[in-house]
Amino acid sequence: MIGPGIEKGKVCNKQVQLLDVYPTLLELTNLKSDSKLEGNSLVPLLKKLNAEWSHYARTSFGPGNYSITPEDYRFIQYKDGSEEFYNHKIDPQEWHNAINNLEYVDVIEKHRAEIPQEHYEILGEGSTGHLSYEASGKRNINNTKYKL
């Protein structure tokens, strides 16, 4: 990002989401925020790269497959109930799934609590779908509505 007061060429390694862009632009332009929208303004990180940032990135790949990624970890829960956990401080390439490591029981439970409990249809009736949705286990049979 560039703009007044934003240092050129600096890199921040905090986890952020595209949802954070809109609140950031609102704050940078002194416009009123909208409480109905998700996301967190990145302005604290733009002002100070190492600012406290308690937020995480949550991503999904089809219904029921989620990843929670704060600064140092990544927790993944799949629709079939299987899970993965990585400590990026010691395993930045995610080679070793530490889901069964007792050292991380509390951290994993904290991440697990951030997984959405309700799953919503992501493709509507009549949608032609896309490969990633079908790969997650949903199929459109006879052009019927997707159901979870």
Protein backbone atom coordinates (compact mmCIF):
# COMPACT_ATOMS: atom_id res chain seq x y z
CA MET A 1 0.00 0.00 0.00
CA ILE A 2 1.16 3.48 -0.68
CA GLY A 3 -0.04 6.79 0.59
CA PRO A 4 0.73 9.72 2.87
CA GLY A 5 2.51 8.58 6.02
CA ILE A 6 3.06 5.02 4.77
CA GLU A 7 6.73 4.08 4.59
CA LYS A 8 7.90 2.90 1.19
CA GLY A 9 9.33 -0.60 0.83
CA LYS A 10 8.38 -1.93 4.27
CA VAL A 11 7.02 -5.48 4.67
CA CYS A 12 4.61 -6.59 7.37
CA ASN A 13 4.24 -10.32 8.10
CA LYS A 14 1.00 -10.14 10.08
CA GLN A 15 -1.94 -12.21 8.80
CA VAL A 16 -4.56 -10.08 7.10
CA GLN A 17 -7.48 -10.70 4.76
CA LEU A 18 -9.01 -9.00 1.76
CA LEU A 19 -11.89 -8.15 4.11
CA ASP A 20 -9.47 -5.74 5.80
CA VAL A 21 -8.96 -3.55 2.73
CA TYR A 22 -12.33 -1.77 2.87
CA PRO A 23 -12.13 -0.74 6.57
CA THR A 24 -8.56 0.40 5.90
CA LEU A 25 -9.63 2.62 3.01
CA LEU A 26 -12.47 4.07 5.08
CA GLU A 27 -10.08 4.99 7.89
CA LEU A 28 -7.45 6.40 5.54
CA THR A 29 -10.05 8.63 3.88
CA ASN A 30 -11.70 9.62 7.17
CA LEU A 31 -15.02 8.12 6.12
CA LYS A 32 -17.46 6.58 8.58
CA SER A 33 -17.03 2.84 9.13
CA ASP A 34 -19.90 0.45 8.52
CA SER A 35 -20.50 -1.95 11.43
CA LYS A 36 -22.33 -4.40 9.14
CA LEU A 37 -19.13 -5.18 7.26
CA GLU A 38 -16.39 -7.51 8.45
CA GLY A 39 -12.69 -6.79 8.47
CA ASN A 40 -10.19 -4.77 10.47
CA SER A 41 -8.46 -1.60 9.45
CA LEU A 42 -4.80 -2.16 8.60
CA VAL A 43 -3.91 1.42 9.58
CA PRO A 44 -2.24 0.34 12.88
CA LEU A 45 0.08 -1.93 10.85
CA LEU A 46 0.71 0.75 8.25
CA LYS A 47 1.81 3.11 11.01
CA LYS A 48 3.87 0.52 12.91
CA LEU A 49 4.75 -2.83 11.28
CA ASN A 50 5.10 -4.60 14.63
CA ALA A 51 1.91 -3.22 16.14
CA GLU A 52 -0.17 -5.55 18.29
CA TRP A 53 -2.45 -7.48 15.94
CA SER A 54 -4.76 -9.99 17.58
CA HIS A 55 -6.65 -10.74 14.37
CA TYR A 56 -6.31 -13.83 12.22
CA ALA A 57 -7.10 -14.88 8.68
CA ARG A 58 -9.94 -17.36 8.20
CA THR A 59 -10.23 -19.02 4.82
CA SER A 60 -12.46 -21.72 3.41
CA PHE A 61 -12.36 -24.13 0.52
CA GLY A 62 -15.91 -25.27 -0.13
CA PRO A 63 -18.38 -25.90 2.70
CA GLY A 64 -16.92 -27.34 5.90
CA ASN A 65 -13.22 -26.88 5.10
CA TYR A 66 -11.60 -24.05 7.09
CA SER A 67 -8.22 -22.65 7.95
CA ILE A 68 -7.50 -20.32 10.89
CA THR A 69 -4.17 -18.53 10.59
CA PRO A 70 -2.93 -16.08 13.22
CA GLU A 71 0.65 -14.84 13.08
CA ASP A 72 2.52 -17.95 14.23
CA TYR A 73 0.24 -20.93 13.54
CA ARG A 74 -2.16 -22.48 11.08
CA PHE A 75 -5.05 -24.74 12.04
CA ILE A 76 -7.02 -26.56 9.33
CA GLN A 77 -10.26 -28.47 9.80
CA TYR A 78 -11.76 -30.44 6.93
CA LYS A 79 -15.36 -31.35 6.28
CA ASP A 80 -14.57 -35.01 7.06
CA GLY A 81 -13.39 -34.00 10.58
CA SER A 82 -9.66 -34.43 9.96
CA GLU A 83 -7.39 -31.64 11.16
CA GLU A 84 -3.90 -30.22 10.70
CA PHE A 85 -1.88 -27.84 12.87
CA TYR A 86 1.42 -26.14 12.10
CA ASN A 87 3.72 -23.95 14.18
CA HIS A 88 5.19 -21.49 11.68
CA LYS A 89 7.96 -20.48 14.09
CA ILE A 90 9.57 -23.92 13.78
CA ASP A 91 7.88 -25.31 10.64
CA PRO A 92 7.26 -22.42 8.21
CA GLN A 93 6.89 -24.79 5.24
CA GLU A 94 4.23 -26.88 7.03
CA TRP A 95 6.02 -30.18 6.59
CA HIS A 96 5.06 -31.66 9.98
CA ASN A 97 1.44 -31.85 11.10
CA ALA A 98 1.51 -31.26 14.87
CA ILE A 99 -2.21 -31.87 15.49
CA ASN A 100 -1.42 -34.69 17.94
CA ASN A 101 1.39 -32.87 19.77
CA LEU A 102 0.20 -32.44 23.38
CA GLU A 103 2.25 -29.24 23.66
CA TYR A 104 -0.33 -27.47 21.47
CA VAL A 105 -3.59 -28.76 23.00
CA ASP A 106 -4.68 -25.33 24.33
CA VAL A 107 -3.62 -23.45 21.19
CA ILE A 108 -5.41 -25.93 18.94
CA GLU A 109 -8.58 -25.69 21.01
CA LYS A 110 -8.48 -21.89 20.75
CA HIS A 111 -8.21 -22.16 16.96
CA ARG A 112 -10.89 -24.85 16.79
CA ALA A 113 -13.29 -22.46 18.57
CA GLU A 114 -12.92 -20.00 15.64
CA ILE A 115 -14.32 -22.48 13.10
CA PRO A 116 -17.84 -21.48 12.00
CA GLN A 117 -20.52 -23.70 13.49
CA GLU A 118 -23.05 -22.95 10.76
CA HIS A 119 -22.33 -23.71 7.13
CA TYR A 120 -24.11 -21.89 4.36
CA GLU A 121 -24.71 -22.72 0.76
CA ILE A 122 -22.05 -21.00 -1.35
CA LEU A 123 -23.52 -21.65 -4.76
CA GLY A 124 -27.17 -21.01 -5.42
CA GLU A 125 -29.84 -22.90 -7.28
CA GLY A 126 -29.02 -23.36 -10.94
CA SER A 127 -25.35 -22.53 -10.47
CA THR A 128 -23.00 -24.35 -12.80
CA GLY A 129 -20.55 -24.59 -9.89
CA HIS A 130 -16.81 -24.74 -10.02
CA LEU A 131 -14.19 -27.41 -9.60
CA SER A 132 -13.13 -26.49 -6.07
CA TYR A 133 -16.73 -26.72 -4.85
CA GLU A 134 -17.15 -30.13 -6.43
CA ALA A 135 -13.82 -31.26 -5.01
CA SER A 136 -15.18 -30.52 -1.53
CA GLY A 137 -17.81 -33.20 -1.96
CA LYS A 138 -20.87 -31.34 -3.21
CA ARG A 139 -22.42 -32.24 -6.53
CA ASN A 140 -25.19 -30.68 -8.54
CA ILE A 141 -27.41 -33.60 -9.52
CA ASN A 142 -30.03 -32.84 -12.17
CA ASN A 143 -29.55 -29.12 -11.60
CA THR A 144 -31.15 -29.31 -8.12
CA LYS A 145 -30.42 -26.94 -5.30
CA TYR A 146 -27.26 -27.60 -3.28
CA LYS A 147 -28.06 -28.66 0.26
CA LEU A 148 -25.81 -28.90 3.28
